[in-house]
Amino acid sequence: MLIKELLPEEHVDPRVKRTRQLLVQAFNELLGEKSFDAMTVQDIADRATVNRVTFYAHFEDKYALLNAVATESFRQALVGKMPPRAELNALNLQLLIQIVCEYLEWHFVHCKPSIRTQFDSLVEQQVKQQIHQVLIDWLKSAVMQDDAELRATAACWAIYGLAMHWSQGERKETSSEFAHRALPLVMAGLELPVSSRSLE
């Protein structure tokens, strides 16, 4: 991941931020018109009304841009739906499962088959990475340091796998209903008792 992607937004030059937004917007527009394989850096630069040099100042290539889009889209879903300073409890864990379900549903419904092969692996990588980080932060904040990495990994794979199962299935229940039903399975991966007062 580029250093620029790790900087807090308040420290990013507004001009840099605007240019990146133009490139992302151009990329998303072009995905609606042609396959990812057929898309070139020049196409993206032209649509964003910048030159190729400017593109490469922000992204190494179109794959780096695709990776950034996958990362940012899920991050925005988390920020938009998860309460600020959320802590480890059953309600927030269920909400995390629901967010992943809804994000994957959007991905499978709206992404064209022509870009799915490139996008699917990046989506899985970035979503799992961010789920894992959320879980690690929660476990450490809850002073549950023992095997935190192992617990977070088990729960992360459980959440992603369960969300994939729901999003690619018939979806006879809402994402909220499914997340509620899946919650005990994820809590088991975290070795959290359902009856624990800390999860009320």
Protein backbone atom coordinates (compact mmCIF):
# COMPACT_ATOMS: atom_id res chain seq x y z
CA MET A 1 0.00 0.00 0.00
CA LEU A 2 1.30 3.46 -0.84
CA ILE A 3 2.41 5.78 1.98
CA LYS A 4 -0.13 8.35 0.75
CA GLU A 5 -2.93 5.87 1.51
CA LEU A 6 -1.84 5.61 5.15
CA LEU A 7 -1.83 9.34 5.88
CA PRO A 8 -4.74 10.74 7.90
CA GLU A 9 -6.99 12.79 5.61
CA GLU A 10 -6.40 15.99 7.56
CA HIS A 11 -2.69 15.77 6.65
CA VAL A 12 -3.29 15.29 2.93
CA ASP A 13 -2.93 18.33 0.67
CA PRO A 14 -6.44 19.21 -0.63
CA ARG A 15 -5.10 19.25 -4.19
CA VAL A 16 -3.67 15.75 -3.79
CA LYS A 17 -6.94 14.54 -2.28
CA ARG A 18 -8.97 16.06 -5.13
CA THR A 19 -6.74 14.49 -7.79
CA ARG A 20 -7.05 11.07 -6.17
CA GLN A 21 -10.82 11.49 -6.06
CA LEU A 22 -10.85 12.36 -9.75
CA LEU A 23 -8.82 9.26 -10.58
CA VAL A 24 -11.08 7.01 -8.51
CA GLN A 25 -14.20 8.56 -10.05
CA ALA A 26 -12.78 8.13 -13.55
CA PHE A 27 -11.90 4.52 -12.78
CA ASN A 28 -15.40 3.74 -11.49
CA GLU A 29 -17.01 5.38 -14.52
CA LEU A 30 -14.83 3.41 -16.93
CA LEU A 31 -15.68 0.13 -15.18
CA GLY A 32 -19.25 0.72 -16.29
CA GLU A 33 -18.12 1.05 -19.91
CA LYS A 34 -15.36 -1.50 -20.47
CA SER A 35 -13.62 -4.44 -18.88
CA PHE A 36 -10.75 -3.93 -16.47
CA ASP A 37 -8.39 -5.76 -18.87
CA ALA A 38 -9.28 -3.37 -21.70
CA MET A 39 -8.83 -0.29 -19.53
CA THR A 40 -5.49 1.54 -19.75
CA VAL A 41 -3.79 4.08 -17.52
CA GLN A 42 -4.17 6.57 -20.35
CA ASP A 43 -7.94 5.95 -20.39
CA ILE A 44 -8.13 6.69 -16.67
CA ALA A 45 -5.91 9.77 -16.90
CA ASP A 46 -7.89 11.15 -19.84
CA ARG A 47 -11.22 10.66 -18.07
CA ALA A 48 -9.84 12.31 -14.91
CA THR A 49 -8.42 15.18 -17.05
CA VAL A 50 -4.87 14.64 -15.76
CA ASN A 51 -1.74 13.40 -17.48
CA ARG A 52 -0.06 10.00 -17.07
CA VAL A 53 2.70 11.49 -14.92
CA THR A 54 0.09 12.70 -12.44
CA PHE A 55 -1.53 9.26 -12.39
CA TYR A 56 1.79 7.59 -11.57
CA ALA A 57 2.42 10.13 -8.81
CA HIS A 58 -0.58 8.60 -7.03
CA PHE A 59 -0.66 4.96 -8.12
CA GLU A 60 1.95 2.53 -9.36
CA ASP A 61 -0.41 1.11 -11.99
CA LYS A 62 -4.09 0.36 -12.57
CA TYR A 63 -3.86 -2.65 -10.24
CA ALA A 64 -2.74 -0.38 -7.40
CA LEU A 65 -5.74 1.84 -8.12
CA LEU A 66 -8.05 -1.18 -8.11
CA ASN A 67 -6.56 -2.23 -4.76
CA ALA A 68 -7.08 1.26 -3.33
CA VAL A 69 -10.71 1.32 -4.51
CA ALA A 70 -11.37 -2.08 -2.90
CA THR A 71 -9.78 -0.94 0.35
CA GLU A 72 -11.49 2.43 0.54
CA SER A 73 -14.96 1.21 -0.39
CA PHE A 74 -15.06 -1.25 2.52
CA ARG A 75 -13.44 1.25 4.89
CA GLN A 76 -16.22 3.72 4.08
CA ALA A 77 -18.83 1.04 4.77
CA LEU A 78 -17.28 0.44 8.19
CA VAL A 79 -16.95 4.12 9.06
CA GLY A 80 -20.46 4.89 7.84
CA LYS A 81 -22.24 2.17 9.84
CA MET A 82 -20.07 1.30 12.83
CA PRO A 83 -20.47 3.60 15.87
CA PRO A 84 -17.44 5.82 16.62
CA ARG A 85 -15.12 4.25 19.20
CA ALA A 86 -17.07 0.99 19.04
CA GLU A 87 -16.05 -1.63 21.58
CA LEU A 88 -16.20 -5.41 21.67
CA ASN A 89 -19.74 -6.47 22.48
CA ALA A 90 -22.40 -8.66 20.91
CA LEU A 91 -24.24 -5.75 19.28
CA ASN A 92 -21.14 -4.39 17.54
CA LEU A 93 -19.97 -7.86 16.53
CA GLN A 94 -23.36 -8.56 14.97
CA LEU A 95 -23.23 -5.20 13.20
CA LEU A 96 -19.78 -6.05 11.81
CA ILE A 97 -21.14 -9.32 10.38
CA GLN A 98 -24.07 -7.41 8.85
CA ILE A 99 -21.78 -4.79 7.29
CA VAL A 100 -19.65 -7.49 5.65
CA CYS A 101 -22.77 -9.26 4.37
CA GLU A 102 -24.16 -6.08 2.83
CA TYR A 103 -20.83 -5.09 1.31
CA LEU A 104 -20.37 -8.48 -0.36
CA GLU A 105 -23.98 -8.44 -1.55
CA TRP A 106 -23.37 -5.05 -3.18
CA HIS A 107 -20.17 -6.37 -4.74
CA PHE A 108 -21.76 -9.47 -6.26
CA VAL A 109 -24.89 -7.65 -7.45
CA HIS A 110 -23.26 -4.54 -8.93
CA CYS A 111 -19.84 -5.62 -10.20
CA LYS A 112 -19.78 -6.71 -13.81
CA PRO A 113 -18.58 -10.27 -14.49
CA SER A 114 -15.81 -8.80 -16.66
CA ILE A 115 -14.00 -7.40 -13.61
CA ARG A 116 -14.97 -10.01 -11.03
CA THR A 117 -11.90 -12.20 -11.50
CA GLN A 118 -9.57 -9.28 -10.74
CA PHE A 119 -11.77 -7.70 -8.09
CA ASP A 120 -12.81 -10.78 -6.10
CA SER A 121 -9.36 -11.65 -4.78
CA LEU A 122 -8.65 -8.02 -3.87
CA VAL A 123 -12.00 -7.66 -2.14
CA GLU A 124 -11.36 -10.80 -0.09
CA GLN A 125 -7.85 -9.69 0.83
CA GLN A 126 -8.80 -6.15 1.81
CA VAL A 127 -12.03 -7.05 3.63
CA LYS A 128 -10.33 -9.79 5.66
CA GLN A 129 -7.45 -7.47 6.50
CA GLN A 130 -9.76 -4.76 7.80
CA ILE A 131 -12.02 -7.19 9.69
CA HIS A 132 -8.93 -8.67 11.33
CA GLN A 133 -7.68 -5.23 12.37
CA VAL A 134 -11.05 -4.29 13.88
CA LEU A 135 -11.11 -7.52 15.87
CA ILE A 136 -7.52 -7.15 17.07
CA ASP A 137 -8.22 -3.58 18.22
CA TRP A 138 -11.37 -4.72 20.04
CA LEU A 139 -9.62 -7.61 21.77
CA LYS A 140 -6.73 -5.44 22.90
CA SER A 141 -9.06 -2.72 24.14
CA ALA A 142 -10.97 -5.35 26.09
CA VAL A 143 -7.63 -6.46 27.64
CA MET A 144 -7.96 -9.87 26.02
CA GLN A 145 -4.33 -10.21 24.96
CA ASP A 146 -4.06 -14.01 25.25
CA ASP A 147 -4.09 -15.53 21.76
CA ALA A 148 -5.60 -12.29 20.39
CA GLU A 149 -4.04 -12.90 16.97
CA LEU A 150 -5.37 -16.45 16.78
CA ARG A 151 -8.83 -15.46 17.99
CA ALA A 152 -9.04 -12.56 15.54
CA THR A 153 -7.93 -14.78 12.66
CA ALA A 154 -10.51 -17.47 13.46
CA ALA A 155 -13.31 -14.93 13.81
CA CYS A 156 -12.22 -13.03 10.69
CA TRP A 157 -12.39 -16.13 8.50
CA ALA A 158 -15.72 -17.10 10.10
CA ILE A 159 -17.25 -13.67 9.43
CA TYR A 160 -16.04 -13.56 5.82
CA GLY A 161 -17.07 -17.15 5.09
CA LEU A 162 -20.51 -16.72 6.62
CA ALA A 163 -21.05 -13.42 4.76
CA MET A 164 -20.02 -15.08 1.48
CA HIS A 165 -22.49 -17.89 2.16
CA TRP A 166 -25.31 -15.39 2.69
CA SER A 167 -24.44 -12.99 -0.12
CA GLN A 168 -24.10 -15.70 -2.77
CA GLY A 169 -27.16 -17.63 -1.65
CA GLU A 170 -30.87 -16.98 -2.03
CA ARG A 171 -30.83 -14.44 0.84
CA LYS A 172 -34.21 -15.55 2.21
CA GLU A 173 -33.49 -13.60 5.40
CA THR A 174 -32.26 -10.04 5.80
CA SER A 175 -28.61 -9.30 6.49
CA SER A 176 -29.58 -8.29 10.02
CA GLU A 177 -31.46 -11.55 10.64
CA PHE A 178 -28.59 -13.60 9.24
CA ALA A 179 -26.00 -11.68 11.29
CA HIS A 180 -28.03 -12.39 14.44
CA ARG A 181 -28.14 -16.11 13.61
CA ALA A 182 -24.42 -16.21 12.74
CA LEU A 183 -23.33 -14.28 15.85
CA PRO A 184 -22.92 -17.28 18.20
CA LEU A 185 -20.64 -19.01 15.67
CA VAL A 186 -18.37 -15.97 15.47
CA MET A 187 -18.38 -15.51 19.22
CA ALA A 188 -17.27 -19.12 19.57
CA GLY A 189 -14.27 -18.35 17.35
CA LEU A 190 -13.39 -15.49 19.65
CA GLU A 191 -13.98 -17.78 22.64
CA LEU A 192 -16.50 -15.31 24.04
CA PRO A 193 -19.39 -16.74 26.06
CA VAL A 194 -22.80 -15.60 24.84
CA SER A 195 -23.89 -15.02 28.41
CA SER A 196 -20.90 -12.82 29.28
CA ARG A 197 -22.02 -9.55 30.88
CA SER A 198 -19.37 -7.70 28.87
CA LEU A 199 -21.32 -8.58 25.71
CA GLU A 200 -24.69 -7.30 26.86
